[in-house]
PDB file of N, CA and C in Angstrom:
ATOM      1  N   UNK A   1      19.451  20.787 157.064  1.00  0.00           N
ATOM      2  CA  UNK A   1      19.723  20.820 155.645  1.00  0.00           C
ATOM      3  C   UNK A   1      19.769  19.375 155.171  1.00  0.00           C
ATOM      4  N   UNK A   2      18.768  18.992 154.379  1.00  0.00           N
ATOM      5  CA  UNK A   2      18.683  17.616 153.900  1.00  0.00           C
ATOM      6  C   UNK A   2      18.621  17.571 152.381  1.00  0.00           C
ATOM      7  N   UNK A   3      19.316  16.600 151.828  1.00  0.00           N
ATOM      8  CA  UNK A   3      19.192  16.355 150.396  1.00  0.00           C
ATOM      9  C   UNK A   3      18.017  15.398 150.210  1.00  0.00           C
ATOM     10  N   UNK A   4      17.059  15.815 149.377  1.00  0.00           N
ATOM     11  CA  UNK A   4      15.926  14.953 149.081  1.00  0.00           C
ATOM     12  C   UNK A   4      16.260  14.028 147.907  1.00  0.00           C
ATOM     13  N   UNK A   5      16.917  14.606 146.883  1.00  0.00           N
ATOM     14  CA  UNK A   5      17.205  13.862 145.661  1.00  0.00           C
ATOM     15  C   UNK A   5      18.617  14.214 145.215  1.00  0.00           C
ATOM     16  N   UNK A   6      19.443  13.209 144.995  1.00  0.00           N
ATOM     17  CA  UNK A   6      20.782  13.411 144.469  1.00  0.00           C
ATOM     18  C   UNK A   6      20.788  12.836 143.059  1.00  0.00           C
ATOM     19  N   UNK A   7      20.966  13.723 142.089  1.00  0.00           N
ATOM     20  CA  UNK A   7      20.890  13.324 140.679  1.00  0.00           C
ATOM     21  C   UNK A   7      22.288  13.227 140.087  1.00  0.00           C
ATOM     22  N   UNK A   8      22.559  12.103 139.453  1.00  0.00           N
ATOM     23  CA  UNK A   8      23.819  11.894 138.750  1.00  0.00           C
ATOM     24  C   UNK A   8      23.478  11.715 137.278  1.00  0.00           C
ATOM     25  N   UNK A   9      24.032  12.595 136.438  1.00  0.00           N
ATOM     26  CA  UNK A   9      23.831  12.510 134.995  1.00  0.00           C
ATOM     27  C   UNK A   9      25.127  11.991 134.393  1.00  0.00           C
ATOM     28  N   UNK A  10      25.040  10.884 133.677  1.00  0.00           N
ATOM     29  CA  UNK A  10      26.222  10.224 133.125  1.00  0.00           C
ATOM     30  C   UNK A  10      25.875   9.522 131.822  1.00  0.00           C
ATOM     31  N   UNK A  11      26.815   9.439 130.893  1.00  0.00           N
ATOM     32  CA  UNK A  11      26.550   8.669 129.680  1.00  0.00           C
ATOM     33  C   UNK A  11      26.635   7.157 129.913  1.00  0.00           C
ATOM     34  N   UNK A  12      27.078   6.727 131.109  1.00  0.00           N
ATOM     35  CA  UNK A  12      27.231   5.301 131.405  1.00  0.00           C
ATOM     36  C   UNK A  12      26.417   4.919 132.649  1.00  0.00           C
ATOM     37  N   UNK A  13      25.114   4.957 132.522  1.00  0.00           N
ATOM     38  CA  UNK A  13      24.201   4.689 133.641  1.00  0.00           C
ATOM     39  C   UNK A  13      24.453   3.315 134.253  1.00  0.00           C
ATOM     40  N   UNK A  14      24.593   2.305 133.438  1.00  0.00           N
ATOM     41  CA  UNK A  14      24.739   0.937 133.940  1.00  0.00           C
ATOM     42  C   UNK A  14      25.957   0.790 134.854  1.00  0.00           C
ATOM     43  N   UNK A  15      27.105   1.319 134.440  1.00  0.00           N
ATOM     44  CA  UNK A  15      28.322   1.193 135.250  1.00  0.00           C
ATOM     45  C   UNK A  15      28.226   1.971 136.554  1.00  0.00           C
ATOM     46  N   UNK A  16      27.658   3.171 136.493  1.00  0.00           N
ATOM     47  CA  UNK A  16      27.545   3.978 137.704  1.00  0.00           C
ATOM     48  C   UNK A  16      26.577   3.316 138.687  1.00  0.00           C
ATOM     49  N   UNK A  17      25.449   2.827 138.189  1.00  0.00           N
ATOM     50  CA  UNK A  17      24.504   2.114 139.067  1.00  0.00           C
ATOM     51  C   UNK A  17      25.185   0.903 139.697  1.00  0.00           C
ATOM     52  N   UNK A  18      25.886   0.131 138.912  1.00  0.00           N
ATOM     53  CA  UNK A  18      26.556  -1.072 139.416  1.00  0.00           C
ATOM     54  C   UNK A  18      27.574  -0.720 140.500  1.00  0.00           C
ATOM     55  N   UNK A  19      28.325   0.368 140.291  1.00  0.00           N
ATOM     56  CA  UNK A  19      29.329   0.747 141.292  1.00  0.00           C
ATOM     57  C   UNK A  19      28.671   1.121 142.618  1.00  0.00           C
ATOM     58  N   UNK A  20      27.546   1.844 142.578  1.00  0.00           N
ATOM     59  CA  UNK A  20      26.834   2.183 143.816  1.00  0.00           C
ATOM     60  C   UNK A  20      26.218   0.933 144.447  1.00  0.00           C
ATOM     61  N   UNK A  21      25.710   0.038 143.625  1.00  0.00           N
ATOM     62  CA  UNK A  21      25.148  -1.203 144.168  1.00  0.00           C
ATOM     63  C   UNK A  21      26.212  -1.998 144.925  1.00  0.00           C
ATOM     64  N   UNK A  22      27.408  -2.094 144.354  1.00  0.00           N
ATOM     65  CA  UNK A  22      28.467  -2.899 144.956  1.00  0.00           C
ATOM     66  C   UNK A  22      29.155  -2.225 146.137  1.00  0.00           C
ATOM     67  N   UNK A  23      29.310  -0.898 146.072  1.00  0.00           N
ATOM     68  CA  UNK A  23      30.045  -0.213 147.138  1.00  0.00           C
ATOM     69  C   UNK A  23      29.154   0.368 148.227  1.00  0.00           C
ATOM     70  N   UNK A  24      27.906   0.682 147.900  1.00  0.00           N
ATOM     71  CA  UNK A  24      27.026   1.352 148.866  1.00  0.00           C
ATOM     72  C   UNK A  24      25.767   0.556 149.200  1.00  0.00           C
ATOM     73  N   UNK A  25      25.636  -0.621 148.615  1.00  0.00           N
ATOM     74  CA  UNK A  25      24.477  -1.476 148.864  1.00  0.00           C
ATOM     75  C   UNK A  25      23.143  -0.792 148.520  1.00  0.00           C
ATOM     76  N   UNK A  26      23.137  -0.036 147.438  1.00  0.00           N
ATOM     77  CA  UNK A  26      21.927   0.628 146.959  1.00  0.00           C
ATOM     78  C   UNK A  26      21.325  -0.231 145.858  1.00  0.00           C
ATOM     79  N   UNK A  27      20.035  -0.415 145.880  1.00  0.00           N
ATOM     80  CA  UNK A  27      19.339  -1.165 144.829  1.00  0.00           C
ATOM     81  C   UNK A  27      18.529  -0.190 143.989  1.00  0.00           C
ATOM     82  N   UNK A  28      18.707  -0.265 142.687  1.00  0.00           N
ATOM     83  CA  UNK A  28      18.043   0.646 141.762  1.00  0.00           C
ATOM     84  C   UNK A  28      16.871  -0.034 141.079  1.00  0.00           C
ATOM     85  N   UNK A  29      15.809   0.740 140.884  1.00  0.00           N
ATOM     86  CA  UNK A  29      14.648   0.257 140.164  1.00  0.00           C
ATOM     87  C   UNK A  29      14.789   0.495 138.670  1.00  0.00           C
ATOM     88  N   UNK A  30      13.713   0.238 137.977  1.00  0.00           N
ATOM     89  CA  UNK A  30      13.659   0.484 136.532  1.00  0.00           C
ATOM     90  C   UNK A  30      13.632   1.994 136.274  1.00  0.00           C
ATOM     91  N   UNK A  31      13.948   2.423 135.054  1.00  0.00           N
ATOM     92  CA  UNK A  31      13.915   3.851 134.741  1.00  0.00           C
ATOM     93  C   UNK A  31      12.539   4.469 135.041  1.00  0.00           C
ATOM     94  N   UNK A  32      12.565   5.648 135.646  1.00  0.00           N
ATOM     95  CA  UNK A  32      11.359   6.393 135.994  1.00  0.00           C
ATOM     96  C   UNK A  32      11.229   7.560 135.021  1.00  0.00           C
ATOM     97  N   UNK A  33      10.297   7.472 134.105  1.00  0.00           N
ATOM     98  CA  UNK A  33      10.131   8.506 133.082  1.00  0.00           C
ATOM     99  C   UNK A  33       9.776   9.860 133.674  1.00  0.00           C
ATOM    100  N   UNK A  34       9.135   9.876 134.853  1.00  0.00           N
ATOM    101  CA  UNK A  34       8.798  11.145 135.515  1.00  0.00           C
ATOM    102  C   UNK A  34      10.063  11.873 135.988  1.00  0.00           C
ATOM    103  N   UNK A  35      11.171  11.141 136.103  1.00  0.00           N
ATOM    104  CA  UNK A  35      12.451  11.712 136.533  1.00  0.00           C
ATOM    105  C   UNK A  35      13.487  11.638 135.415  1.00  0.00           C
ATOM    106  N   UNK A  36      13.049  11.812 134.187  1.00  0.00           N
ATOM    107  CA  UNK A  36      13.959  11.833 133.044  1.00  0.00           C
ATOM    108  C   UNK A  36      14.571  10.489 132.713  1.00  0.00           C
ATOM    109  N   UNK A  37      13.901   9.417 133.126  1.00  0.00           N
ATOM    110  CA  UNK A  37      14.429   8.083 132.858  1.00  0.00           C
ATOM    111  C   UNK A  37      15.454   7.625 133.884  1.00  0.00           C
ATOM    112  N   UNK A  38      15.535   8.332 135.005  1.00  0.00           N
ATOM    113  CA  UNK A  38      16.514   7.967 136.037  1.00  0.00           C
ATOM    114  C   UNK A  38      16.156   6.640 136.681  1.00  0.00           C
ATOM    115  N   UNK A  39      17.162   5.848 136.950  1.00  0.00           N
ATOM    116  CA  UNK A  39      17.018   4.659 137.799  1.00  0.00           C
ATOM    117  C   UNK A  39      17.257   5.146 139.206  1.00  0.00           C
ATOM    118  N   UNK A  40      16.338   4.878 140.122  1.00  0.00           N
ATOM    119  CA  UNK A  40      16.440   5.434 141.468  1.00  0.00           C
ATOM    120  C   UNK A  40      16.561   4.352 142.530  1.00  0.00           C
ATOM    121  N   UNK A  41      17.213   4.749 143.608  1.00  0.00           N
ATOM    122  CA  UNK A  41      17.326   3.921 144.798  1.00  0.00           C
ATOM    123  C   UNK A  41      17.257   4.827 146.009  1.00  0.00           C
ATOM    124  N   UNK A  42      16.784   4.300 147.122  1.00  0.00           N
ATOM    125  CA  UNK A  42      16.665   5.091 148.343  1.00  0.00           C
ATOM    126  C   UNK A  42      17.796   4.726 149.300  1.00  0.00           C
ATOM    127  N   UNK A  43      18.474   5.750 149.794  1.00  0.00           N
ATOM    128  CA  UNK A  43      19.566   5.566 150.734  1.00  0.00           C
ATOM    129  C   UNK A  43      19.006   5.405 152.150  1.00  0.00           C
ATOM    130  N   UNK A  44      19.791   4.886 153.087  1.00  0.00           N
ATOM    131  CA  UNK A  44      19.293   4.646 154.451  1.00  0.00           C
ATOM    132  C   UNK A  44      18.681   5.879 155.124  1.00  0.00           C
ATOM    133  N   UNK A  45      19.164   7.089 154.788  1.00  0.00           N
ATOM    134  CA  UNK A  45      18.628   8.304 155.407  1.00  0.00           C
ATOM    135  C   UNK A  45      17.367   8.816 154.713  1.00  0.00           C
ATOM    136  N   UNK A  46      16.894   8.098 153.677  1.00  0.00           N
ATOM    137  CA  UNK A  46      15.689   8.496 152.955  1.00  0.00           C
ATOM    138  C   UNK A  46      15.949   9.303 151.703  1.00  0.00           C
ATOM    139  N   UNK A  47      17.187   9.736 151.490  1.00  0.00           N
ATOM    140  CA  UNK A  47      17.546  10.472 150.270  1.00  0.00           C
ATOM    141  C   UNK A  47      17.374   9.546 149.071  1.00  0.00           C
ATOM    142  N   UNK A  48      16.867  10.086 147.988  1.00  0.00           N
ATOM    143  CA  UNK A  48      16.711   9.318 146.759  1.00  0.00           C
ATOM    144  C   UNK A  48      17.890   9.623 145.850  1.00  0.00           C
ATOM    145  N   UNK A  49      18.535   8.582 145.367  1.00  0.00           N
ATOM    146  CA  UNK A  49      19.649   8.704 144.434  1.00  0.00           C
ATOM    147  C   UNK A  49      19.137   8.317 143.057  1.00  0.00           C
ATOM    148  N   UNK A  50      19.272   9.220 142.091  1.00  0.00           N
ATOM    149  CA  UNK A  50      18.820   8.970 140.727  1.00  0.00           C
ATOM    150  C   UNK A  50      19.981   9.045 139.753  1.00  0.00           C
ATOM    151  N   UNK A  51      20.125   8.028 138.935  1.00  0.00           N
ATOM    152  CA  UNK A  51      21.179   7.975 137.920  1.00  0.00           C
ATOM    153  C   UNK A  51      20.494   7.964 136.562  1.00  0.00           C
ATOM    154  N   UNK A  52      20.843   8.935 135.715  1.00  0.00           N
ATOM    155  CA  UNK A  52      20.221   8.996 134.396  1.00  0.00           C
ATOM    156  C   UNK A  52      21.213   9.451 133.340  1.00  0.00           C
ATOM    157  N   UNK A  53      20.849   9.188 132.105  1.00  0.00           N
ATOM    158  CA  UNK A  53      21.637   9.634 130.955  1.00  0.00           C
ATOM    159  C   UNK A  53      21.271  11.086 130.634  1.00  0.00           C
ATOM    160  N   UNK A  54      22.132  11.788 129.914  1.00  0.00           N
ATOM    161  CA  UNK A  54      21.790  13.150 129.498  1.00  0.00           C
ATOM    162  C   UNK A  54      20.483  13.163 128.700  1.00  0.00           C
ATOM    163  N   UNK A  55      19.706  14.229 128.877  1.00  0.00           N
ATOM    164  CA  UNK A  55      18.426  14.357 128.182  1.00  0.00           C
ATOM    165  C   UNK A  55      18.539  15.098 126.860  1.00  0.00           C
ATOM    166  N   UNK A  56      19.671  15.740 126.646  1.00  0.00           N
ATOM    167  CA  UNK A  56      19.890  16.459 125.389  1.00  0.00           C
ATOM    168  C   UNK A  56      21.376  16.392 125.044  1.00  0.00           C
ATOM    169  N   UNK A  57      21.722  16.634 123.807  1.00  0.00           N
ATOM    170  CA  UNK A  57      23.100  16.469 123.334  1.00  0.00           C
ATOM    171  C   UNK A  57      24.101  17.353 124.075  1.00  0.00           C
ATOM    172  N   UNK A  58      23.676  18.539 124.513  1.00  0.00           N
ATOM    173  CA  UNK A  58      24.622  19.446 125.172  1.00  0.00           C
ATOM    174  C   UNK A  58      24.601  19.351 126.697  1.00  0.00           C
ATOM    175  N   UNK A  59      23.880  18.374 127.263  1.00  0.00           N
ATOM    176  CA  UNK A  59      23.878  18.202 128.713  1.00  0.00           C
ATOM    177  C   UNK A  59      25.125  17.430 129.122  1.00  0.00           C
ATOM    178  N   UNK A  60      25.911  18.020 129.986  1.00  0.00           N
ATOM    179  CA  UNK A  60      27.160  17.395 130.410  1.00  0.00           C
ATOM    180  C   UNK A  60      26.949  16.611 131.709  1.00  0.00           C
ATOM    181  N   UNK A  61      27.835  15.664 131.994  1.00  0.00           N
ATOM    182  CA  UNK A  61      27.727  14.922 133.248  1.00  0.00           C
ATOM    183  C   UNK A  61      27.770  15.878 134.442  1.00  0.00           C
ATOM    184  N   UNK A  62      26.969  15.560 135.442  1.00  0.00           N
ATOM    185  CA  UNK A  62      26.884  16.418 136.624  1.00  0.00           C
ATOM    186  C   UNK A  62      26.357  15.600 137.803  1.00  0.00           C
ATOM    187  N   UNK A  63      26.742  16.005 138.994  1.00  0.00           N
ATOM    188  CA  UNK A  63      26.133  15.498 140.220  1.00  0.00           C
ATOM    189  C   UNK A  63      25.421  16.703 140.831  1.00  0.00           C
ATOM    190  N   UNK A  64      24.109  16.603 140.969  1.00  0.00           N
ATOM    191  CA  UNK A  64      23.297  17.753 141.362  1.00  0.00           C
ATOM    192  C   UNK A  64      22.463  17.423 142.599  1.00  0.00           C
ATOM    193  N   UNK A  65      22.757  18.084 143.743  1.00  0.00           N
ATOM    194  CA  UNK A  65      21.914  17.873 144.924  1.00  0.00           C
ATOM    195  C   UNK A  65      20.645  18.731 144.834  1.00  0.00           C
ATOM    196  N   UNK A  66      19.537  18.147 145.235  1.00  0.00           N
ATOM    197  CA  UNK A  66      18.277  18.884 145.355  1.00  0.00           C
ATOM    198  C   UNK A  66      17.977  18.975 146.844  1.00  0.00           C
ATOM    199  N   UNK A  67      18.092  20.185 147.379  1.00  0.00           N
ATOM    200  CA  UNK A  67      17.907  20.412 148.806  1.00  0.00           C
ATOM    201  C   UNK A  67      16.420  20.478 149.126  1.00  0.00           C
ATOM    202  N   UNK A  68      16.010  19.781 150.170  1.00  0.00           N
ATOM    203  CA  UNK A  68      14.623  19.767 150.604  1.00  0.00           C
ATOM    204  C   UNK A  68      14.291  21.108 151.255  1.00  0.00           C
ATOM    205  N   UNK A  69      13.220  21.746 150.789  1.00  0.00           N
ATOM    206  CA  UNK A  69      12.764  23.019 151.349  1.00  0.00           C
ATOM    207  C   UNK A  69      11.265  22.958 151.606  1.00  0.00           C
ATOM    208  N   UNK A  70      10.810  23.777 152.547  1.00  0.00           N
ATOM    209  CA  UNK A  70       9.380  23.851 152.847  1.00  0.00           C
ATOM    210  C   UNK A  70       8.635  24.710 151.837  1.00  0.00           C
ATOM    211  N   UNK A  71       9.306  25.748 151.322  1.00  0.00           N
ATOM    212  CA  UNK A  71       8.668  26.693 150.399  1.00  0.00           C
ATOM    213  C   UNK A  71       9.633  26.986 149.255  1.00  0.00           C
ATOM    214  N   UNK A  72       9.420  26.327 148.132  1.00  0.00           N
ATOM    215  CA  UNK A  72      10.356  26.430 147.010  1.00  0.00           C
ATOM    216  C   UNK A  72      10.387  27.834 146.413  1.00  0.00           C
ATOM    217  N   UNK A  73       9.248  28.519 146.388  1.00  0.00           N
ATOM    218  CA  UNK A  73       9.214  29.865 145.811  1.00  0.00           C
ATOM    219  C   UNK A  73      10.043  30.844 146.639  1.00  0.00           C
ATOM    220  N   UNK A  74       9.960  30.738 147.957  1.00  0.00           N
ATOM    221  CA  UNK A  74      10.769  31.584 148.831  1.00  0.00           C
ATOM    222  C   UNK A  74      12.249  31.257 148.667  1.00  0.00           C
ATOM    223  N   UNK A  75      12.589  29.969 148.613  1.00  0.00           N
ATOM    224  CA  UNK A  75      13.983  29.561 148.442  1.00  0.00           C
ATOM    225  C   UNK A  75      14.547  30.095 147.124  1.00  0.00           C
ATOM    226  N   UNK A  76      13.752  30.026 146.058  1.00  0.00           N
ATOM    227  CA  UNK A  76      14.198  30.544 144.759  1.00  0.00           C
ATOM    228  C   UNK A  76      14.440  32.051 144.845  1.00  0.00           C
ATOM    229  N   UNK A  77      13.545  32.764 145.494  1.00  0.00           N
ATOM    230  CA  UNK A  77      13.721  34.219 145.651  1.00  0.00           C
ATOM    231  C   UNK A  77      15.021  34.544 146.379  1.00  0.00           C
ATOM    232  N   UNK A  78      15.321  33.770 147.403  1.00  0.00           N
ATOM    233  CA  UNK A  78      16.540  34.014 148.190  1.00  0.00           C
ATOM    234  C   UNK A  78      17.790  33.800 147.345  1.00  0.00           C
ATOM    235  N   UNK A  79      17.861  32.693 146.610  1.00  0.00           N
ATOM    236  CA  UNK A  79      19.083  32.446 145.820  1.00  0.00           C
ATOM    237  C   UNK A  79      19.184  33.408 144.639  1.00  0.00           C
ATOM    238  N   UNK A  80      18.044  33.814 144.070  1.00  0.00           N
ATOM    239  CA  UNK A  80      18.081  34.832 142.999  1.00  0.00           C
ATOM    240  C   UNK A  80      18.681  36.125 143.518  1.00  0.00           C
ATOM    241  N   UNK A  81      18.319  36.509 144.735  1.00  0.00           N
ATOM    242  CA  UNK A  81      18.854  37.731 145.337  1.00  0.00           C
ATOM    243  C   UNK A  81      20.361  37.618 145.574  1.00  0.00           C
ATOM    244  N   UNK A  82      20.867  36.393 145.656  1.00  0.00           N
ATOM    245  CA  UNK A  82      22.300  36.164 145.835  1.00  0.00           C
ATOM    246  C   UNK A  82      23.027  36.030 144.501  1.00  0.00           C
ATOM    247  N   UNK A  83      22.293  36.187 143.394  1.00  0.00           N
ATOM    248  CA  UNK A  83      22.911  36.147 142.071  1.00  0.00           C
ATOM    249  C   UNK A  83      22.764  34.843 141.320  1.00  0.00           C
ATOM    250  N   UNK A  84      21.945  33.931 141.814  1.00  0.00           N
ATOM    251  CA  UNK A  84      21.761  32.653 141.121  1.00  0.00           C
ATOM    252  C   UNK A  84      21.016  32.827 139.806  1.00  0.00           C
ATOM    253  N   UNK A  85      21.389  32.000 138.855  1.00  0.00           N
ATOM    254  CA  UNK A  85      20.643  31.884 137.599  1.00  0.00           C
ATOM    255  C   UNK A  85      19.651  30.734 137.787  1.00  0.00           C
ATOM    256  N   UNK A  86      18.391  30.980 137.506  1.00  0.00           N
ATOM    257  CA  UNK A  86      17.375  29.940 137.621  1.00  0.00           C
ATOM    258  C   UNK A  86      17.331  29.208 136.279  1.00  0.00           C
ATOM    259  N   UNK A  87      17.900  28.018 136.239  1.00  0.00           N
ATOM    260  CA  UNK A  87      17.976  27.242 134.998  1.00  0.00           C
ATOM    261  C   UNK A  87      16.645  26.570 134.688  1.00  0.00           C
ATOM    262  N   UNK A  88      15.971  26.066 135.712  1.00  0.00           N
ATOM    263  CA  UNK A  88      14.639  25.461 135.567  1.00  0.00           C
ATOM    264  C   UNK A  88      13.797  26.015 136.714  1.00  0.00           C
ATOM    265  N   UNK A  89      12.792  26.831 136.392  1.00  0.00           N
ATOM    266  CA  UNK A  89      11.943  27.360 137.461  1.00  0.00           C
ATOM    267  C   UNK A  89      11.136  26.235 138.106  1.00  0.00           C
ATOM    268  N   UNK A  90      10.532  26.483 139.271  1.00  0.00           N
ATOM    269  CA  UNK A  90       9.771  25.424 139.941  1.00  0.00           C
ATOM    270  C   UNK A  90       8.754  24.736 139.017  1.00  0.00           C
ATOM    271  N   UNK A  91       8.827  23.410 139.016  1.00  0.00           N
ATOM    272  CA  UNK A  91       7.967  22.567 138.182  1.00  0.00           C
ATOM    273  C   UNK A  91       7.377  21.474 139.072  1.00  0.00           C
ATOM    274  N   UNK A  92       6.105  21.219 138.903  1.00  0.00           N
ATOM    275  CA  UNK A  92       5.416  20.162 139.656  1.00  0.00           C
ATOM    276  C   UNK A  92       5.592  18.828 138.930  1.00  0.00           C
ATOM    277  N   UNK A  93       5.976  17.792 139.661  1.00  0.00           N
ATOM    278  CA  UNK A  93       5.991  16.426 139.138  1.00  0.00           C
ATOM    279  C   UNK A  93       4.892  15.689 139.906  1.00  0.00           C
ATOM    280  N   UNK A  94       3.829  15.285 139.230  1.00  0.00           N
ATOM    281  CA  UNK A  94       2.712  14.644 139.926  1.00  0.00           C
ATOM    282  C   UNK A  94       3.164  13.523 140.865  1.00  0.00           C
ATOM    283  N   UNK A  95       2.682  13.564 142.064  1.00  0.00           N
ATOM    284  CA  UNK A  95       2.921  12.595 143.145  1.00  0.00           C
ATOM    285  C   UNK A  95       4.359  12.595 143.676  1.00  0.00           C
ATOM    286  N   UNK A  96       5.215  13.507 143.179  1.00  0.00           N
ATOM    287  CA  UNK A  96       6.601  13.553 143.647  1.00  0.00           C
ATOM    288  C   UNK A  96       6.949  14.894 144.287  1.00  0.00           C
ATOM    289  N   UNK A  97       6.247  15.951 143.954  1.00  0.00           N
ATOM    290  CA  UNK A  97       6.522  17.271 144.504  1.00  0.00           C
ATOM    291  C   UNK A  97       6.937  18.258 143.435  1.00  0.00           C
ATOM    292  N   UNK A  98       7.560  19.348 143.880  1.00  0.00           N
ATOM    293  CA  UNK A  98       8.021  20.418 142.995  1.00  0.00           C
ATOM    294  C   UNK A  98       9.535  20.482 143.061  1.00  0.00           C
ATOM    295  N   UNK A  99      10.173  20.752 141.925  1.00  0.00           N
ATOM    296  CA  UNK A  99      11.621  20.908 141.909  1.00  0.00           C
ATOM    297  C   UNK A  99      12.005  22.116 141.072  1.00  0.00           C
ATOM    298  N   UNK A 100      13.222  22.580 141.254  1.00  0.00           N
ATOM    299  CA  UNK A 100      13.803  23.607 140.387  1.00  0.00           C
ATOM    300  C   UNK A 100      15.309  23.374 140.360  1.00  0.00           C
ATOM    301  N   UNK A 101      15.957  23.979 139.363  1.00  0.00           N
ATOM    302  CA  UNK A 101      17.418  23.921 139.255  1.00  0.00           C
ATOM    303  C   UNK A 101      17.931  25.349 139.180  1.00  0.00           C
ATOM    304  N   UNK A 102      18.976  25.629 139.951  1.00  0.00           N
ATOM    305  CA  UNK A 102      19.610  26.938 139.878  1.00  0.00           C
ATOM    306  C   UNK A 102      21.123  26.765 139.813  1.00  0.00           C
ATOM    307  N   UNK A 103      21.784  27.786 139.280  1.00  0.00           N
ATOM    308  CA  UNK A 103      23.242  27.773 139.159  1.00  0.00           C
ATOM    309  C   UNK A 103      23.774  28.939 139.983  1.00  0.00           C
ATOM    310  N   UNK A 104      24.652  28.623 140.899  1.00  0.00           N
ATOM    311  CA  UNK A 104      25.253  29.639 141.756  1.00  0.00           C
ATOM    312  C   UNK A 104      26.691  29.222 142.024  1.00  0.00           C
ATOM    313  N   UNK A 105      27.605  30.151 141.847  1.00  0.00           N
ATOM    314  CA  UNK A 105      29.018  29.824 142.031  1.00  0.00           C
ATOM    315  C   UNK A 105      29.504  28.810 141.016  1.00  0.00           C
ATOM    316  N   UNK A 106      28.925  28.825 139.825  1.00  0.00           N
ATOM    317  CA  UNK A 106      29.254  27.901 138.731  1.00  0.00           C
ATOM    318  C   UNK A 106      28.863  26.458 139.022  1.00  0.00           C
ATOM    319  N   UNK A 107      28.066  26.237 140.071  1.00  0.00           N
ATOM    320  CA  UNK A 107      27.645  24.898 140.473  1.00  0.00           C
ATOM    321  C   UNK A 107      26.127  24.781 140.302  1.00  0.00           C
ATOM    322  N   UNK A 108      25.681  23.657 139.759  1.00  0.00           N
ATOM    323  CA  UNK A 108      24.249  23.401 139.649  1.00  0.00           C
ATOM    324  C   UNK A 108      23.733  22.808 140.954  1.00  0.00           C
ATOM    325  N   UNK A 109      22.636  23.380 141.429  1.00  0.00           N
ATOM    326  CA  UNK A 109      21.968  22.934 142.646  1.00  0.00           C
ATOM    327  C   UNK A 109      20.486  22.798 142.294  1.00  0.00           C
ATOM    328  N   UNK A 110      19.728  22.225 143.195  1.00  0.00           N
ATOM    329  CA  UNK A 110      18.285  22.182 143.030  1.00  0.00           C
ATOM    330  C   UNK A 110      17.587  22.313 144.367  1.00  0.00           C
ATOM    331  N   UNK A 111      16.323  22.658 144.303  1.00  0.00           N
ATOM    332  CA  UNK A 111      15.451  22.620 145.469  1.00  0.00           C
ATOM    333  C   UNK A 111      14.345  21.616 145.189  1.00  0.00           C
ATOM    334  N   UNK A 112      13.838  20.996 146.248  1.00  0.00           N
ATOM    335  CA  UNK A 112      12.716  20.055 146.132  1.00  0.00           C
ATOM    336  C   UNK A 112      11.748  20.336 147.269  1.00  0.00           C
ATOM    337  N   UNK A 113      10.493  20.484 146.911  1.00  0.00           N
ATOM    338  CA  UNK A 113       9.442  20.667 147.897  1.00  0.00           C
ATOM    339  C   UNK A 113       8.471  19.511 147.758  1.00  0.00           C
ATOM    340  N   UNK A 114       8.241  18.786 148.850  1.00  0.00           N
ATOM    341  CA  UNK A 114       7.311  17.653 148.799  1.00  0.00           C
ATOM    342  C   UNK A 114       5.881  18.110 148.980  1.00  0.00           C
TER     343      UNK A 114
END
């Protein structure tokens, strides 16, 4: 079970990035528009950490893990059968893979297929 992308949504991107830089030695790049303007850095285990501002007025701060899966459609079917709400169905991001967001147990999760 590996996290491919850990997304942090916050109204204070600069402070959160700075805190990770100082405490975790993560270096962030410029905003990536393909990832909603997230500033990203790669952790030693290869996980990508993305910090971004909310994309809409009603988006609240959240920390959302995107679990790496081999087959995103099968993974979505499994969590749907467990009662998950599919908030964002699988979407292709050119050169980055496919992702989706689901809500289960009142927690937002995601899947990522490379």
